[in-house]
Amino acid sequence: MPIYVRIGMHLLFATMLDRKLLQTHKIHHLFSAESVKQGKHFDASESVAQIEHFIKTYKLDLSELLQPDLKQYKSFNEFFYRKLRPDARPIHFVDNPNIIVSSADCRLCVFESISAATQVWIKGKLFSIKELLKDEILASKYEGGSIALFRLAPQDYHRFHSPVTGTIVKEPFKIAGTYYTVNPMAVNSDINVFTENVRQVTLIDLEQEEGKDEDEGSNNSNSTNTGGRNAQFDQCVFVSIGALLVGSVQLTGAKEPGNRVRKGDELGFFAYGGSTCILLFKAGAVQFDQDLVASSLKGIETLVRMGECIGERK
């Protein structure tokens, strides 16, 4: 990150500088312009010169790479959103649709109620599910629900994957916005990071165990079961959020309505920078691992890898 950007972030987020400044059009434009500028820089062929320094700085394990030959990467960004070998991130309980896994290599916080998340972690004064999704009807279904926040740091593997097995409900929709940093110093402030940053929203019908209807053993005519999928069962919302110096959120996986995704299937990637994914469940639908819940309630993020179990549907 350029030194002037680091200094600017410190002044804006870590000092007592008037937070109203961050809400101005000029600052939003500055963040967006800088993100696009850095994106173009890291897409340029000459940016490959920074790959080796990046690897040394973060002590990255090259044995995990699908393409270990660094000469094959045509830009720094190509390396940044690198692919890993299929066996580098095993998916826990891959055949059990009730198990929820981490969407990414990340620093994770989970809360069994969104109100707890806003008391401990998300301090933006205007944060709400309605503001996050910009859809009042959809948001009303998740009020009082559970939330998982996957924060990716620059050194992390930057592809994100489905945390559940299910079916895409409708084509993901984009919400325009700015590019605040997702560093905890911003998230833990009164800046509305998640509800103002650019983001993509994906709805997924949750798949249940093979051969089971929504009500176990039920012959309810309103319930259908096709290949183990109950079209009337339940849904979750997956939000991929861009951030400062992340010029784009690229969706690469299943996007068409009716497409089936298995947990661990790639959904997309972030270009250079830090980023966040948010996963929403309806009230009472899931139980996150209690050690993760306990740490989160203390304001502590837990380092997890993509595919690791983080909870279970009730």
C-alpha atoms as a PDB file:
ATOM      1  CA  MET A   1       0.000   0.000   0.000  1.00  0.00           C
ATOM      2  CA  PRO A   2       1.433   3.426  -0.888  1.00  0.00           C
ATOM      3  CA  ILE A   3       2.732   5.329   2.147  1.00  0.00           C
ATOM      4  CA  TYR A   4       0.383   8.269   1.567  1.00  0.00           C
ATOM      5  CA  VAL A   5      -2.592   5.907   1.653  1.00  0.00           C
ATOM      6  CA  ARG A   6      -1.426   4.369   4.934  1.00  0.00           C
ATOM      7  CA  ILE A   7      -0.931   7.799   6.491  1.00  0.00           C
ATOM      8  CA  GLY A   8      -4.320   8.920   5.223  1.00  0.00           C
ATOM      9  CA  MET A   9      -6.035   5.847   6.674  1.00  0.00           C
ATOM     10  CA  HIS A  10      -4.421   6.497  10.043  1.00  0.00           C
ATOM     11  CA  LEU A  11      -5.541  10.120  10.044  1.00  0.00           C
ATOM     12  CA  LEU A  12      -9.059   9.296   8.954  1.00  0.00           C
ATOM     13  CA  PHE A  13      -9.799   6.229  11.051  1.00  0.00           C
ATOM     14  CA  ALA A  14      -7.387   6.038  13.978  1.00  0.00           C
ATOM     15  CA  THR A  15      -7.409   9.637  15.197  1.00  0.00           C
ATOM     16  CA  MET A  16     -10.008  12.032  16.526  1.00  0.00           C
ATOM     17  CA  LEU A  17     -10.404  13.672  13.136  1.00  0.00           C
ATOM     18  CA  ASP A  18     -14.001  14.807  12.528  1.00  0.00           C
ATOM     19  CA  ARG A  19     -15.817  11.707  11.280  1.00  0.00           C
ATOM     20  CA  LYS A  20     -18.236  13.878   9.306  1.00  0.00           C
ATOM     21  CA  LEU A  21     -15.407  14.362   6.818  1.00  0.00           C
ATOM     22  CA  LEU A  22     -15.651  10.671   5.906  1.00  0.00           C
ATOM     23  CA  GLN A  23     -19.249  11.116   4.824  1.00  0.00           C
ATOM     24  CA  THR A  24     -18.474  13.812   2.280  1.00  0.00           C
ATOM     25  CA  HIS A  25     -18.752  13.285  -1.458  1.00  0.00           C
ATOM     26  CA  LYS A  26     -15.102  14.321  -1.955  1.00  0.00           C
ATOM     27  CA  ILE A  27     -13.816  11.627   0.416  1.00  0.00           C
ATOM     28  CA  HIS A  28     -16.031   8.964  -1.158  1.00  0.00           C
ATOM     29  CA  HIS A  29     -14.760  10.005  -4.582  1.00  0.00           C
ATOM     30  CA  LEU A  30     -11.160   9.889  -3.315  1.00  0.00           C
ATOM     31  CA  PHE A  31     -11.561   6.332  -2.004  1.00  0.00           C
ATOM     32  CA  SER A  32     -13.191   5.165  -5.234  1.00  0.00           C
ATOM     33  CA  ALA A  33     -10.635   6.879  -7.454  1.00  0.00           C
ATOM     34  CA  GLU A  34      -7.708   5.496  -5.436  1.00  0.00           C
ATOM     35  CA  SER A  35      -9.163   1.974  -5.542  1.00  0.00           C
ATOM     36  CA  VAL A  36      -9.607   2.109  -9.322  1.00  0.00           C
ATOM     37  CA  LYS A  37      -6.120   3.588  -9.738  1.00  0.00           C
ATOM     38  CA  GLN A  38      -4.496   0.857  -7.645  1.00  0.00           C
ATOM     39  CA  GLY A  39      -6.538  -1.785  -9.477  1.00  0.00           C
ATOM     40  CA  LYS A  40      -5.213  -0.607 -12.837  1.00  0.00           C
ATOM     41  CA  HIS A  41      -1.682  -0.491 -11.451  1.00  0.00           C
ATOM     42  CA  PHE A  42      -1.839  -4.081 -10.205  1.00  0.00           C
ATOM     43  CA  ASP A  43      -3.386  -5.264 -13.476  1.00  0.00           C
ATOM     44  CA  ALA A  44      -0.438  -3.865 -15.452  1.00  0.00           C
ATOM     45  CA  SER A  45       2.269  -6.266 -16.621  1.00  0.00           C
ATOM     46  CA  GLU A  46       5.045  -4.373 -14.822  1.00  0.00           C
ATOM     47  CA  SER A  47       3.361  -5.062 -11.484  1.00  0.00           C
ATOM     48  CA  VAL A  48       4.718  -8.649 -11.547  1.00  0.00           C
ATOM     49  CA  ALA A  49       7.898  -7.183 -10.049  1.00  0.00           C
ATOM     50  CA  GLN A  50       6.049  -6.878  -6.722  1.00  0.00           C
ATOM     51  CA  ILE A  51       5.016 -10.534  -6.469  1.00  0.00           C
ATOM     52  CA  GLU A  52       8.208 -11.871  -4.877  1.00  0.00           C
ATOM     53  CA  HIS A  53       8.338  -9.049  -2.328  1.00  0.00           C
ATOM     54  CA  PHE A  54       4.708  -9.751  -1.415  1.00  0.00           C
ATOM     55  CA  ILE A  55       5.479 -13.451  -0.948  1.00  0.00           C
ATOM     56  CA  LYS A  56       8.463 -12.717   1.310  1.00  0.00           C
ATOM     57  CA  THR A  57       6.604 -10.100   3.337  1.00  0.00           C
ATOM     58  CA  TYR A  58       3.718 -12.436   4.175  1.00  0.00           C
ATOM     59  CA  LYS A  59       5.685 -15.733   4.068  1.00  0.00           C
ATOM     60  CA  LEU A  60       3.183 -17.315   1.686  1.00  0.00           C
ATOM     61  CA  ASP A  61       3.179 -21.087   1.179  1.00  0.00           C
ATOM     62  CA  LEU A  62       3.732 -21.598  -2.556  1.00  0.00           C
ATOM     63  CA  SER A  63       3.196 -25.355  -2.289  1.00  0.00           C
ATOM     64  CA  GLU A  64      -0.566 -24.650  -2.105  1.00  0.00           C
ATOM     65  CA  LEU A  65      -0.709 -22.928  -5.491  1.00  0.00           C
ATOM     66  CA  LEU A  66      -2.468 -24.506  -8.434  1.00  0.00           C
ATOM     67  CA  GLN A  67       0.125 -22.694 -10.576  1.00  0.00           C
ATOM     68  CA  PRO A  68       3.416 -22.650  -8.598  1.00  0.00           C
ATOM     69  CA  ASP A  69       5.471 -21.164 -11.464  1.00  0.00           C
ATOM     70  CA  LEU A  70       5.533 -17.433 -10.670  1.00  0.00           C
ATOM     71  CA  LYS A  71       6.572 -16.622 -14.231  1.00  0.00           C
ATOM     72  CA  GLN A  72       3.120 -17.699 -15.415  1.00  0.00           C
ATOM     73  CA  TYR A  73       1.400 -14.797 -13.646  1.00  0.00           C
ATOM     74  CA  LYS A  74       1.002 -11.833 -16.007  1.00  0.00           C
ATOM     75  CA  SER A  75       0.291  -9.232 -13.310  1.00  0.00           C
ATOM     76  CA  PHE A  76       0.359  -8.822  -9.545  1.00  0.00           C
ATOM     77  CA  ASN A  77      -3.432  -9.114  -9.417  1.00  0.00           C
ATOM     78  CA  GLU A  78      -3.320 -12.465 -11.212  1.00  0.00           C
ATOM     79  CA  PHE A  79      -1.163 -13.709  -8.361  1.00  0.00           C
ATOM     80  CA  PHE A  80      -3.235 -11.943  -5.706  1.00  0.00           C
ATOM     81  CA  TYR A  81      -6.420 -13.805  -6.636  1.00  0.00           C
ATOM     82  CA  ARG A  82      -4.445 -16.980  -7.309  1.00  0.00           C
ATOM     83  CA  LYS A  83      -6.108 -20.379  -7.309  1.00  0.00           C
ATOM     84  CA  LEU A  84      -5.109 -23.138  -4.918  1.00  0.00           C
ATOM     85  CA  ARG A  85      -4.781 -26.868  -5.458  1.00  0.00           C
ATOM     86  CA  PRO A  86      -8.111 -28.674  -4.940  1.00  0.00           C
ATOM     87  CA  ASP A  87      -6.683 -30.550  -1.929  1.00  0.00           C
ATOM     88  CA  ALA A  88      -5.272 -27.403  -0.267  1.00  0.00           C
ATOM     89  CA  ARG A  89      -8.606 -26.543   1.382  1.00  0.00           C
ATOM     90  CA  PRO A  90     -10.581 -29.711   2.227  1.00  0.00           C
ATOM     91  CA  ILE A  91     -14.282 -29.066   2.825  1.00  0.00           C
ATOM     92  CA  HIS A  92     -15.436 -30.339   6.203  1.00  0.00           C
ATOM     93  CA  PHE A  93     -18.409 -32.741   6.082  1.00  0.00           C
ATOM     94  CA  VAL A  94     -18.830 -32.016   2.397  1.00  0.00           C
ATOM     95  CA  ASP A  95     -21.799 -34.390   2.029  1.00  0.00           C
ATOM     96  CA  ASN A  96     -23.701 -33.103   5.056  1.00  0.00           C
ATOM     97  CA  PRO A  97     -25.767 -30.051   3.988  1.00  0.00           C
ATOM     98  CA  ASN A  98     -26.469 -29.140   7.616  1.00  0.00           C
ATOM     99  CA  ILE A  99     -22.829 -28.239   8.297  1.00  0.00           C
ATOM    100  CA  ILE A 100     -21.822 -24.624   7.519  1.00  0.00           C
ATOM    101  CA  VAL A 101     -18.229 -23.923   6.512  1.00  0.00           C
ATOM    102  CA  SER A 102     -16.046 -20.857   6.252  1.00  0.00           C
ATOM    103  CA  SER A 103     -16.442 -19.050   2.959  1.00  0.00           C
ATOM    104  CA  ALA A 104     -12.830 -17.882   2.844  1.00  0.00           C
ATOM    105  CA  ASP A 105      -9.439 -17.782   4.475  1.00  0.00           C
ATOM    106  CA  CYS A 106     -10.255 -15.025   6.916  1.00  0.00           C
ATOM    107  CA  ARG A 107     -10.550 -13.503  10.351  1.00  0.00           C
ATOM    108  CA  LEU A 108     -13.987 -14.625  11.456  1.00  0.00           C
ATOM    109  CA  CYS A 109     -16.624 -13.243  13.825  1.00  0.00           C
ATOM    110  CA  VAL A 110     -19.994 -14.949  14.298  1.00  0.00           C
ATOM    111  CA  PHE A 111     -23.018 -13.739  16.249  1.00  0.00           C
ATOM    112  CA  GLU A 112     -26.218 -15.625  16.938  1.00  0.00           C
ATOM    113  CA  SER A 113     -28.102 -12.330  16.781  1.00  0.00           C
ATOM    114  CA  ILE A 114     -27.463  -9.292  14.645  1.00  0.00           C
ATOM    115  CA  SER A 115     -28.111  -7.054  17.653  1.00  0.00           C
ATOM    116  CA  ALA A 116     -25.128  -8.674  19.420  1.00  0.00           C
ATOM    117  CA  ALA A 117     -22.970  -7.982  16.362  1.00  0.00           C
ATOM    118  CA  THR A 118     -23.849  -4.283  16.454  1.00  0.00           C
ATOM    119  CA  GLN A 119     -23.098  -4.059  20.176  1.00  0.00           C
ATOM    120  CA  VAL A 120     -19.703  -5.770  19.945  1.00  0.00           C
ATOM    121  CA  TRP A 121     -18.275  -5.488  16.452  1.00  0.00           C
ATOM    122  CA  ILE A 122     -20.200  -3.459  13.858  1.00  0.00           C
ATOM    123  CA  LYS A 123     -20.378   0.037  15.323  1.00  0.00           C
ATOM    124  CA  GLY A 124     -21.642   1.967  12.305  1.00  0.00           C
ATOM    125  CA  LYS A 125     -24.594   3.997  13.561  1.00  0.00           C
ATOM    126  CA  LEU A 126     -26.684   3.340  10.463  1.00  0.00           C
ATOM    127  CA  PHE A 127     -25.956  -0.388  10.156  1.00  0.00           C
ATOM    128  CA  SER A 128     -29.073  -2.475   9.649  1.00  0.00           C
ATOM    129  CA  ILE A 129     -30.033  -5.427   7.487  1.00  0.00           C
ATOM    130  CA  LYS A 130     -32.300  -3.111   5.520  1.00  0.00           C
ATOM    131  CA  GLU A 131     -29.381  -0.785   4.751  1.00  0.00           C
ATOM    132  CA  LEU A 132     -27.043  -3.694   4.010  1.00  0.00           C
ATOM    133  CA  LEU A 133     -29.382  -5.328   1.482  1.00  0.00           C
ATOM    134  CA  LYS A 134     -31.254  -2.239   0.230  1.00  0.00           C
ATOM    135  CA  ASP A 135     -34.349  -4.428   0.027  1.00  0.00           C
ATOM    136  CA  GLU A 136     -36.949  -3.885   2.725  1.00  0.00           C
ATOM    137  CA  ILE A 137     -38.950  -7.049   2.035  1.00  0.00           C
ATOM    138  CA  LEU A 138     -35.868  -9.289   1.939  1.00  0.00           C
ATOM    139  CA  ALA A 139     -34.384  -7.617   5.016  1.00  0.00           C
ATOM    140  CA  SER A 140     -37.545  -8.171   7.050  1.00  0.00           C
ATOM    141  CA  LYS A 141     -36.987 -11.942   6.789  1.00  0.00           C
ATOM    142  CA  TYR A 142     -33.577 -11.682   8.469  1.00  0.00           C
ATOM    143  CA  GLU A 143     -34.246  -9.205  11.259  1.00  0.00           C
ATOM    144  CA  GLY A 144     -33.142 -10.840  14.501  1.00  0.00           C
ATOM    145  CA  GLY A 145     -31.230 -13.481  12.575  1.00  0.00           C
ATOM    146  CA  SER A 146     -27.644 -14.719  12.821  1.00  0.00           C
ATOM    147  CA  ILE A 147     -24.605 -13.245  11.097  1.00  0.00           C
ATOM    148  CA  ALA A 148     -21.081 -14.342  10.180  1.00  0.00           C
ATOM    149  CA  LEU A 149     -18.416 -11.860   9.071  1.00  0.00           C
ATOM    150  CA  PHE A 150     -15.453 -13.165   7.058  1.00  0.00           C
ATOM    151  CA  ARG A 151     -12.733 -10.472   6.911  1.00  0.00           C
ATOM    152  CA  LEU A 152      -9.946 -11.097   4.409  1.00  0.00           C
ATOM    153  CA  ALA A 153      -6.538  -9.502   4.967  1.00  0.00           C
ATOM    154  CA  PRO A 154      -4.207  -8.791   2.008  1.00  0.00           C
ATOM    155  CA  GLN A 155      -2.108 -11.925   2.609  1.00  0.00           C
ATOM    156  CA  ASP A 156      -5.119 -14.250   2.472  1.00  0.00           C
ATOM    157  CA  TYR A 157      -6.224 -16.428  -0.408  1.00  0.00           C
ATOM    158  CA  HIS A 158      -8.742 -14.059  -2.017  1.00  0.00           C
ATOM    159  CA  ARG A 159     -11.272 -16.339  -3.639  1.00  0.00           C
ATOM    160  CA  PHE A 160     -14.516 -16.848  -1.771  1.00  0.00           C
ATOM    161  CA  HIS A 161     -16.694 -19.941  -1.799  1.00  0.00           C
ATOM    162  CA  SER A 162     -20.183 -21.040  -0.898  1.00  0.00           C
ATOM    163  CA  PRO A 163     -20.486 -21.777   2.835  1.00  0.00           C
ATOM    164  CA  VAL A 164     -23.585 -23.924   2.230  1.00  0.00           C
ATOM    165  CA  THR A 165     -25.065 -26.370  -0.238  1.00  0.00           C
ATOM    166  CA  GLY A 166     -28.133 -25.106  -2.032  1.00  0.00           C
ATOM    167  CA  THR A 167     -29.625 -23.463  -5.090  1.00  0.00           C
ATOM    168  CA  ILE A 168     -29.252 -19.915  -6.400  1.00  0.00           C
ATOM    169  CA  VAL A 169     -32.607 -18.166  -5.949  1.00  0.00           C
ATOM    170  CA  LYS A 170     -32.116 -15.312  -8.403  1.00  0.00           C
ATOM    171  CA  GLU A 171     -29.310 -13.562 -10.209  1.00  0.00           C
ATOM    172  CA  PRO A 172     -26.987 -11.827  -7.695  1.00  0.00           C
ATOM    173  CA  PHE A 173     -27.535  -8.088  -7.549  1.00  0.00           C
ATOM    174  CA  LYS A 174     -24.986  -5.325  -7.119  1.00  0.00           C
ATOM    175  CA  ILE A 175     -25.338  -2.400  -4.742  1.00  0.00           C
ATOM    176  CA  ALA A 176     -23.233   0.628  -5.666  1.00  0.00           C
ATOM    177  CA  GLY A 177     -21.186   2.349  -2.989  1.00  0.00           C
ATOM    178  CA  THR A 178     -17.835   3.692  -1.877  1.00  0.00           C
ATOM    179  CA  TYR A 179     -14.655   1.904  -0.728  1.00  0.00           C
ATOM    180  CA  TYR A 180     -14.051   2.272   2.995  1.00  0.00           C
ATOM    181  CA  THR A 181     -11.369   0.061   4.505  1.00  0.00           C
ATOM    182  CA  VAL A 182     -12.658  -3.034   6.352  1.00  0.00           C
ATOM    183  CA  ASN A 183      -9.840  -2.794   8.874  1.00  0.00           C
ATOM    184  CA  PRO A 184     -11.208  -3.227  12.438  1.00  0.00           C
ATOM    185  CA  MET A 185     -10.304   0.390  13.230  1.00  0.00           C
ATOM    186  CA  ALA A 186     -13.004   1.413  10.754  1.00  0.00           C
ATOM    187  CA  VAL A 187     -15.506  -1.376  11.463  1.00  0.00           C
ATOM    188  CA  ASN A 188     -15.287  -0.704  15.216  1.00  0.00           C
ATOM    189  CA  SER A 189     -15.867   3.012  14.701  1.00  0.00           C
ATOM    190  CA  ASP A 190     -19.129   4.799  13.924  1.00  0.00           C
ATOM    191  CA  ILE A 191     -18.340   4.642  10.196  1.00  0.00           C
ATOM    192  CA  ASN A 192     -20.996   2.776   8.210  1.00  0.00           C
ATOM    193  CA  VAL A 193     -18.525   0.530   6.406  1.00  0.00           C
ATOM    194  CA  PHE A 194     -20.705  -2.382   5.351  1.00  0.00           C
ATOM    195  CA  THR A 195     -23.793  -0.416   4.366  1.00  0.00           C
ATOM    196  CA  GLU A 196     -21.891   2.097   2.212  1.00  0.00           C
ATOM    197  CA  ASN A 197     -19.290  -0.039   0.430  1.00  0.00           C
ATOM    198  CA  VAL A 198     -19.940  -1.549  -2.997  1.00  0.00           C
ATOM    199  CA  ARG A 199     -21.275  -5.111  -2.683  1.00  0.00           C
ATOM    200  CA  GLN A 200     -22.865  -8.091  -4.394  1.00  0.00           C
ATOM    201  CA  VAL A 201     -25.812  -9.967  -2.848  1.00  0.00           C
ATOM    202  CA  THR A 202     -26.514 -13.658  -3.514  1.00  0.00           C
ATOM    203  CA  LEU A 203     -29.572 -15.563  -2.229  1.00  0.00           C
ATOM    204  CA  ILE A 204     -29.254 -19.323  -1.740  1.00  0.00           C
ATOM    205  CA  ASP A 205     -32.006 -21.848  -1.046  1.00  0.00           C
ATOM    206  CA  LEU A 206     -30.589 -24.193   1.581  1.00  0.00           C
ATOM    207  CA  GLU A 207     -30.488 -27.864   0.693  1.00  0.00           C
ATOM    208  CA  GLN A 208     -31.465 -30.447   3.283  1.00  0.00           C
ATOM    209  CA  GLU A 209     -30.379 -34.005   3.868  1.00  0.00           C
ATOM    210  CA  GLU A 210     -31.039 -36.453   1.064  1.00  0.00           C
ATOM    211  CA  GLY A 211     -34.554 -37.861   1.123  1.00  0.00           C
ATOM    212  CA  LYS A 212     -35.945 -35.510   3.792  1.00  0.00           C
ATOM    213  CA  ASP A 213     -38.751 -33.004   3.425  1.00  0.00           C
ATOM    214  CA  GLU A 214     -38.907 -29.763   5.375  1.00  0.00           C
ATOM    215  CA  ASP A 215     -40.915 -31.477   8.088  1.00  0.00           C
ATOM    216  CA  GLU A 216     -39.208 -34.840   8.513  1.00  0.00           C
ATOM    217  CA  GLY A 217     -41.475 -37.556   7.265  1.00  0.00           C
ATOM    218  CA  SER A 218     -44.091 -35.032   6.135  1.00  0.00           C
ATOM    219  CA  ASN A 219     -46.279 -35.559   3.095  1.00  0.00           C
ATOM    220  CA  ASN A 220     -47.108 -31.858   2.960  1.00  0.00           C
ATOM    221  CA  SER A 221     -48.187 -31.095  -0.603  1.00  0.00           C
ATOM    222  CA  ASN A 222     -46.525 -27.667  -0.354  1.00  0.00           C
ATOM    223  CA  SER A 223     -43.138 -29.324   0.075  1.00  0.00           C
ATOM    224  CA  THR A 224     -41.159 -30.593  -2.888  1.00  0.00           C
ATOM    225  CA  ASN A 225     -38.053 -32.728  -2.914  1.00  0.00           C
ATOM    226  CA  THR A 226     -35.913 -32.909  -6.028  1.00  0.00           C
ATOM    227  CA  GLY A 227     -32.529 -34.545  -5.650  1.00  0.00           C
ATOM    228  CA  GLY A 228     -32.598 -33.795  -1.929  1.00  0.00           C
ATOM    229  CA  ARG A 229     -33.452 -30.121  -2.443  1.00  0.00           C
ATOM    230  CA  ASN A 230     -36.583 -28.714  -0.877  1.00  0.00           C
ATOM    231  CA  ALA A 231     -37.587 -25.672  -2.891  1.00  0.00           C
ATOM    232  CA  GLN A 232     -39.720 -24.394  -0.012  1.00  0.00           C
ATOM    233  CA  PHE A 233     -37.209 -25.039   2.765  1.00  0.00           C
ATOM    234  CA  ASP A 234     -35.154 -21.983   3.710  1.00  0.00           C
ATOM    235  CA  GLN A 235     -32.640 -19.461   2.458  1.00  0.00           C
ATOM    236  CA  CYS A 236     -29.506 -17.616   3.456  1.00  0.00           C
ATOM    237  CA  VAL A 237     -28.022 -14.386   2.116  1.00  0.00           C
ATOM    238  CA  PHE A 238     -24.369 -14.110   1.094  1.00  0.00           C
ATOM    239  CA  VAL A 239     -22.896 -10.616   0.629  1.00  0.00           C
ATOM    240  CA  SER A 240     -19.450  -9.991  -0.889  1.00  0.00           C
ATOM    241  CA  ILE A 241     -18.183  -6.508  -0.025  1.00  0.00           C
ATOM    242  CA  GLY A 242     -15.455  -4.513  -1.726  1.00  0.00           C
ATOM    243  CA  ALA A 243     -13.131  -2.272   0.267  1.00  0.00           C
ATOM    244  CA  LEU A 244     -10.388   0.336   0.014  1.00  0.00           C
ATOM    245  CA  LEU A 245      -7.964  -0.580  -2.811  1.00  0.00           C
ATOM    246  CA  VAL A 246     -10.295  -3.388  -3.935  1.00  0.00           C
ATOM    247  CA  GLY A 247     -11.271  -2.199  -7.385  1.00  0.00           C
ATOM    248  CA  SER A 248     -13.740  -4.974  -8.060  1.00  0.00           C
ATOM    249  CA  VAL A 249     -15.769  -7.878  -6.719  1.00  0.00           C
ATOM    250  CA  GLN A 250     -15.791 -10.538  -9.427  1.00  0.00           C
ATOM    251  CA  LEU A 251     -18.423 -13.288  -9.364  1.00  0.00           C
ATOM    252  CA  THR A 252     -17.237 -16.445 -11.122  1.00  0.00           C
ATOM    253  CA  GLY A 253     -19.422 -19.263  -9.795  1.00  0.00           C
ATOM    254  CA  ALA A 254     -23.062 -20.264 -10.201  1.00  0.00           C
ATOM    255  CA  LYS A 255     -25.118 -17.131 -10.814  1.00  0.00           C
ATOM    256  CA  GLU A 256     -28.172 -18.214 -12.746  1.00  0.00           C
ATOM    257  CA  PRO A 257     -31.431 -18.917 -10.875  1.00  0.00           C
ATOM    258  CA  GLY A 258     -31.767 -22.657 -10.315  1.00  0.00           C
ATOM    259  CA  ASN A 259     -28.002 -23.323 -10.410  1.00  0.00           C
ATOM    260  CA  ARG A 260     -26.964 -25.714  -7.637  1.00  0.00           C
ATOM    261  CA  VAL A 261     -23.909 -24.948  -5.534  1.00  0.00           C
ATOM    262  CA  ARG A 262     -22.137 -27.277  -3.142  1.00  0.00           C
ATOM    263  CA  LYS A 263     -20.381 -25.843  -0.136  1.00  0.00           C
ATOM    264  CA  GLY A 264     -16.832 -25.122  -1.154  1.00  0.00           C
ATOM    265  CA  ASP A 265     -17.775 -24.222  -4.726  1.00  0.00           C
ATOM    266  CA  GLU A 266     -16.144 -20.990  -5.834  1.00  0.00           C
ATOM    267  CA  LEU A 267     -18.452 -17.970  -5.968  1.00  0.00           C
ATOM    268  CA  GLY A 268     -15.941 -15.280  -6.905  1.00  0.00           C
ATOM    269  CA  PHE A 269     -12.799 -13.353  -5.984  1.00  0.00           C
ATOM    270  CA  PHE A 270     -11.576  -9.963  -4.820  1.00  0.00           C
ATOM    271  CA  ALA A 271      -8.812  -8.030  -6.551  1.00  0.00           C
ATOM    272  CA  TYR A 272      -6.021  -6.446  -4.495  1.00  0.00           C
ATOM    273  CA  GLY A 273      -6.825  -5.255  -0.988  1.00  0.00           C
ATOM    274  CA  GLY A 274      -8.778  -6.298   2.078  1.00  0.00           C
ATOM    275  CA  SER A 275     -12.384  -7.372   1.773  1.00  0.00           C
ATOM    276  CA  THR A 276     -15.288  -8.939   3.666  1.00  0.00           C
ATOM    277  CA  CYS A 277     -18.065 -11.466   3.123  1.00  0.00           C
ATOM    278  CA  ILE A 278     -21.205 -11.487   5.260  1.00  0.00           C
ATOM    279  CA  LEU A 279     -23.496 -14.483   5.705  1.00  0.00           C
ATOM    280  CA  LEU A 280     -27.033 -14.047   7.070  1.00  0.00           C
ATOM    281  CA  PHE A 281     -29.409 -16.684   8.418  1.00  0.00           C
ATOM    282  CA  LYS A 282     -32.948 -16.289   9.682  1.00  0.00           C
ATOM    283  CA  ALA A 283     -33.612 -16.205  13.440  1.00  0.00           C
ATOM    284  CA  GLY A 284     -33.110 -19.587  15.085  1.00  0.00           C
ATOM    285  CA  ALA A 285     -31.924 -21.281  11.896  1.00  0.00           C
ATOM    286  CA  VAL A 286     -28.320 -22.045  12.888  1.00  0.00           C
ATOM    287  CA  GLN A 287     -25.998 -22.673  15.792  1.00  0.00           C
ATOM    288  CA  PHE A 288     -22.458 -21.430  15.339  1.00  0.00           C
ATOM    289  CA  ASP A 289     -19.566 -23.207  17.073  1.00  0.00           C
ATOM    290  CA  GLN A 290     -19.566 -21.992  20.656  1.00  0.00           C
ATOM    291  CA  ASP A 291     -15.846 -21.265  20.788  1.00  0.00           C
ATOM    292  CA  LEU A 292     -16.276 -18.919  17.822  1.00  0.00           C
ATOM    293  CA  VAL A 293     -19.294 -17.279  19.474  1.00  0.00           C
ATOM    294  CA  ALA A 294     -17.420 -16.798  22.759  1.00  0.00           C
ATOM    295  CA  SER A 295     -14.430 -15.166  21.053  1.00  0.00           C
ATOM    296  CA  SER A 296     -16.664 -12.954  18.926  1.00  0.00           C
ATOM    297  CA  LEU A 297     -18.569 -11.667  21.958  1.00  0.00           C
ATOM    298  CA  LYS A 298     -15.189 -10.541  23.334  1.00  0.00           C
ATOM    299  CA  GLY A 299     -14.490  -8.673  20.101  1.00  0.00           C
ATOM    300  CA  ILE A 300     -11.854 -11.205  19.022  1.00  0.00           C
ATOM    301  CA  GLU A 301     -11.601 -12.465  15.450  1.00  0.00           C
ATOM    302  CA  THR A 302     -10.654 -16.119  14.865  1.00  0.00           C
ATOM    303  CA  LEU A 303      -8.334 -17.106  12.030  1.00  0.00           C
ATOM    304  CA  VAL A 304     -10.013 -19.811   9.928  1.00  0.00           C
ATOM    305  CA  ARG A 305      -9.487 -21.334   6.516  1.00  0.00           C
ATOM    306  CA  MET A 306     -11.972 -21.821   3.745  1.00  0.00           C
ATOM    307  CA  GLY A 307     -13.889 -25.059   4.166  1.00  0.00           C
ATOM    308  CA  GLU A 308     -13.508 -25.382   7.934  1.00  0.00           C
ATOM    309  CA  CYS A 309     -16.688 -26.058   9.920  1.00  0.00           C
ATOM    310  CA  ILE A 310     -18.085 -22.968  11.676  1.00  0.00           C
ATOM    311  CA  GLY A 311     -21.555 -24.128  12.674  1.00  0.00           C
ATOM    312  CA  GLU A 312     -24.602 -26.234  11.986  1.00  0.00           C
ATOM    313  CA  ARG A 313     -28.168 -25.657  10.904  1.00  0.00           C
ATOM    314  CA  LYS A 314     -30.772 -26.497  13.533  1.00  0.00           C
END
